[in-house]
C-alpha atoms as a PDB file:
ATOM      1  CA  UNK A   1     -95.181-100.878-101.851  1.00  0.00           C
ATOM      2  CA  UNK A   2     -94.330-104.362-100.637  1.00  0.00           C
ATOM      3  CA  UNK A   3     -96.418-104.202 -97.447  1.00  0.00           C
ATOM      4  CA  UNK A   4    -100.196-104.387 -97.472  1.00  0.00           C
ATOM      5  CA  UNK A   5    -102.158-101.240 -96.724  1.00  0.00           C
ATOM      6  CA  UNK A   6    -102.937-102.555 -93.244  1.00  0.00           C
ATOM      7  CA  UNK A   7     -99.260-103.388 -92.595  1.00  0.00           C
ATOM      8  CA  UNK A   8     -98.155 -99.955 -93.815  1.00  0.00           C
ATOM      9  CA  UNK A   9    -100.698 -98.225 -91.557  1.00  0.00           C
ATOM     10  CA  UNK A  10     -99.619-100.346 -88.584  1.00  0.00           C
ATOM     11  CA  UNK A  11     -95.970 -99.558 -89.358  1.00  0.00           C
ATOM     12  CA  UNK A  12     -96.761 -95.842 -89.402  1.00  0.00           C
ATOM     13  CA  UNK A  13     -98.733 -96.052 -86.172  1.00  0.00           C
ATOM     14  CA  UNK A  14     -95.946 -97.830 -84.291  1.00  0.00           C
ATOM     15  CA  UNK A  15     -92.938 -95.985 -85.783  1.00  0.00           C
ATOM     16  CA  UNK A  16     -94.005 -92.435 -86.628  1.00  0.00           C
ATOM     17  CA  UNK A  17     -96.165 -89.532 -85.578  1.00  0.00           C
ATOM     18  CA  UNK A  18     -97.574 -86.385 -87.173  1.00  0.00           C
ATOM     19  CA  UNK A  19     -96.232 -83.034 -86.073  1.00  0.00           C
ATOM     20  CA  UNK A  20     -97.875 -80.024 -87.756  1.00  0.00           C
ATOM     21  CA  UNK A  21     -99.247 -82.406 -90.395  1.00  0.00           C
ATOM     22  CA  UNK A  22     -95.734 -83.701 -91.202  1.00  0.00           C
ATOM     23  CA  UNK A  23     -94.680 -87.303 -90.424  1.00  0.00           C
ATOM     24  CA  UNK A  24     -91.649 -87.765 -88.167  1.00  0.00           C
ATOM     25  CA  UNK A  25     -89.910 -90.940 -87.023  1.00  0.00           C
ATOM     26  CA  UNK A  26     -90.452 -91.630 -83.331  1.00  0.00           C
ATOM     27  CA  UNK A  27     -86.805 -92.708 -82.978  1.00  0.00           C
ATOM     28  CA  UNK A  28     -85.074 -89.492 -84.093  1.00  0.00           C
ATOM     29  CA  UNK A  29     -87.856 -87.032 -84.989  1.00  0.00           C
ATOM     30  CA  UNK A  30     -86.615 -86.767 -88.591  1.00  0.00           C
ATOM     31  CA  UNK A  31     -88.943 -86.785 -91.577  1.00  0.00           C
ATOM     32  CA  UNK A  32     -88.748 -90.174 -93.327  1.00  0.00           C
ATOM     33  CA  UNK A  33     -87.319 -90.589 -96.858  1.00  0.00           C
ATOM     34  CA  UNK A  34     -89.480 -89.882 -99.885  1.00  0.00           C
ATOM     35  CA  UNK A  35     -90.033 -93.584-100.628  1.00  0.00           C
ATOM     36  CA  UNK A  36     -91.532 -94.120 -97.188  1.00  0.00           C
ATOM     37  CA  UNK A  37     -93.758 -91.062 -97.537  1.00  0.00           C
ATOM     38  CA  UNK A  38     -94.938 -92.342-100.926  1.00  0.00           C
ATOM     39  CA  UNK A  39     -95.874 -95.683 -99.364  1.00  0.00           C
ATOM     40  CA  UNK A  40     -97.820 -93.940 -96.630  1.00  0.00           C
ATOM     41  CA  UNK A  41     -99.754 -91.879 -99.186  1.00  0.00           C
ATOM     42  CA  UNK A  42    -100.650 -95.104-101.028  1.00  0.00           C
ATOM     43  CA  UNK A  43    -101.809 -96.555 -97.697  1.00  0.00           C
ATOM     44  CA  UNK A  44    -104.163 -93.606 -97.241  1.00  0.00           C
ATOM     45  CA  UNK A  45    -102.272 -91.854 -94.453  1.00  0.00           C
ATOM     46  CA  UNK A  46    -103.061 -88.140 -94.652  1.00  0.00           C
ATOM     47  CA  UNK A  47    -100.335 -85.510 -94.263  1.00  0.00           C
ATOM     48  CA  UNK A  48     -98.897 -82.514 -96.092  1.00  0.00           C
ATOM     49  CA  UNK A  49     -96.388 -83.911 -98.628  1.00  0.00           C
ATOM     50  CA  UNK A  50     -94.978 -80.543 -99.733  1.00  0.00           C
ATOM     51  CA  UNK A  51     -94.422 -79.372 -96.175  1.00  0.00           C
ATOM     52  CA  UNK A  52     -92.834 -82.773 -95.398  1.00  0.00           C
ATOM     53  CA  UNK A  53     -90.347 -82.286 -98.249  1.00  0.00           C
ATOM     54  CA  UNK A  54     -89.505 -78.787 -97.012  1.00  0.00           C
ATOM     55  CA  UNK A  55     -88.960 -79.925 -93.417  1.00  0.00           C
ATOM     56  CA  UNK A  56     -86.818 -82.904 -94.519  1.00  0.00           C
ATOM     57  CA  UNK A  57     -84.722 -80.656 -96.771  1.00  0.00           C
ATOM     58  CA  UNK A  58     -84.094 -78.266 -93.861  1.00  0.00           C
ATOM     59  CA  UNK A  59     -83.167 -81.199 -91.604  1.00  0.00           C
ATOM     60  CA  UNK A  60     -80.696 -82.553 -94.163  1.00  0.00           C
ATOM     61  CA  UNK A  61     -79.140 -79.111 -94.690  1.00  0.00           C
ATOM     62  CA  UNK A  62     -78.724 -78.670 -90.940  1.00  0.00           C
ATOM     63  CA  UNK A  63     -77.133 -82.136 -90.578  1.00  0.00           C
ATOM     64  CA  UNK A  64     -74.669 -81.469 -93.392  1.00  0.00           C
ATOM     65  CA  UNK A  65     -73.715 -78.088 -91.906  1.00  0.00           C
ATOM     66  CA  UNK A  66     -73.133 -79.709 -88.488  1.00  0.00           C
ATOM     67  CA  UNK A  67     -71.045 -82.482 -90.089  1.00  0.00           C
ATOM     68  CA  UNK A  68     -68.878 -79.952 -91.939  1.00  0.00           C
ATOM     69  CA  UNK A  69     -68.403 -77.884 -88.785  1.00  0.00           C
ATOM     70  CA  UNK A  70     -67.424 -80.987 -86.788  1.00  0.00           C
ATOM     71  CA  UNK A  71     -65.016 -82.173 -89.484  1.00  0.00           C
ATOM     72  CA  UNK A  72     -63.080 -78.877 -89.425  1.00  0.00           C
ATOM     73  CA  UNK A  73     -61.719 -79.789 -86.000  1.00  0.00           C
ATOM     74  CA  UNK A  74     -61.347 -83.503 -86.686  1.00  0.00           C
ATOM     75  CA  UNK A  75     -57.708 -84.532 -87.019  1.00  0.00           C
ATOM     76  CA  UNK A  76     -57.242 -88.076 -88.239  1.00  0.00           C
ATOM     77  CA  UNK A  77     -55.330 -90.267 -85.818  1.00  0.00           C
ATOM     78  CA  UNK A  78     -52.256 -92.189 -86.990  1.00  0.00           C
ATOM     79  CA  UNK A  79     -54.315 -95.394 -86.702  1.00  0.00           C
ATOM     80  CA  UNK A  80     -57.113 -93.970 -88.859  1.00  0.00           C
ATOM     81  CA  UNK A  81     -54.586 -92.832 -91.472  1.00  0.00           C
ATOM     82  CA  UNK A  82     -52.968 -96.288 -91.475  1.00  0.00           C
ATOM     83  CA  UNK A  83     -56.357 -97.949 -91.930  1.00  0.00           C
ATOM     84  CA  UNK A  84     -57.200 -95.623 -94.812  1.00  0.00           C
ATOM     85  CA  UNK A  85     -53.799 -96.221 -96.447  1.00  0.00           C
ATOM     86  CA  UNK A  86     -54.276 -99.995 -96.106  1.00  0.00           C
ATOM     87  CA  UNK A  87     -57.791 -99.805 -97.558  1.00  0.00           C
ATOM     88  CA  UNK A  88     -57.069 -97.464-100.468  1.00  0.00           C
ATOM     89  CA  UNK A  89     -53.338 -97.981-101.103  1.00  0.00           C
ATOM     90  CA  UNK A  90     -50.276 -95.766-101.222  1.00  0.00           C
ATOM     91  CA  UNK A  91     -50.302 -93.041-103.858  1.00  0.00           C
ATOM     92  CA  UNK A  92     -54.073 -92.691-103.594  1.00  0.00           C
ATOM     93  CA  UNK A  93     -56.001 -89.525-102.803  1.00  0.00           C
ATOM     94  CA  UNK A  94     -59.193 -90.000-100.804  1.00  0.00           C
ATOM     95  CA  UNK A  95     -61.767 -87.208-101.002  1.00  0.00           C
ATOM     96  CA  UNK A  96     -64.504 -86.579 -98.457  1.00  0.00           C
ATOM     97  CA  UNK A  97     -67.379 -85.878-100.843  1.00  0.00           C
ATOM     98  CA  UNK A  98     -69.193 -83.686 -98.325  1.00  0.00           C
ATOM     99  CA  UNK A  99     -66.361 -81.437 -97.137  1.00  0.00           C
ATOM    100  CA  UNK A 100     -64.023 -81.722-100.120  1.00  0.00           C
ATOM    101  CA  UNK A 101     -61.109 -82.575 -97.795  1.00  0.00           C
ATOM    102  CA  UNK A 102     -58.393 -84.536 -99.590  1.00  0.00           C
ATOM    103  CA  UNK A 103     -56.048 -87.020 -97.929  1.00  0.00           C
ATOM    104  CA  UNK A 104     -53.168 -88.311-100.035  1.00  0.00           C
ATOM    105  CA  UNK A 105     -51.126 -91.386 -99.128  1.00  0.00           C
END
């Protein structure tokens, strides 16, 4: 933890809130990453760590499922394909590590 306990508590107070004893960012209502939760525990902020992990895992799973569903209907434009070819080179196969989609140039 690089911030002092007081700084970490102030950061929590201004950037997050507890919902059913689980911290959520004010900006997007997602549960923060594990490293942030660990810092808040060290700063003495009380919440349910196990429930926080479960909620974050469900949020991540939902986001990945939405991304995959959106990518099914996403056709790459000629410009996007040109940019990818220029970045990775002809004869290269680029793999989307989340969907498994392969694009070969």
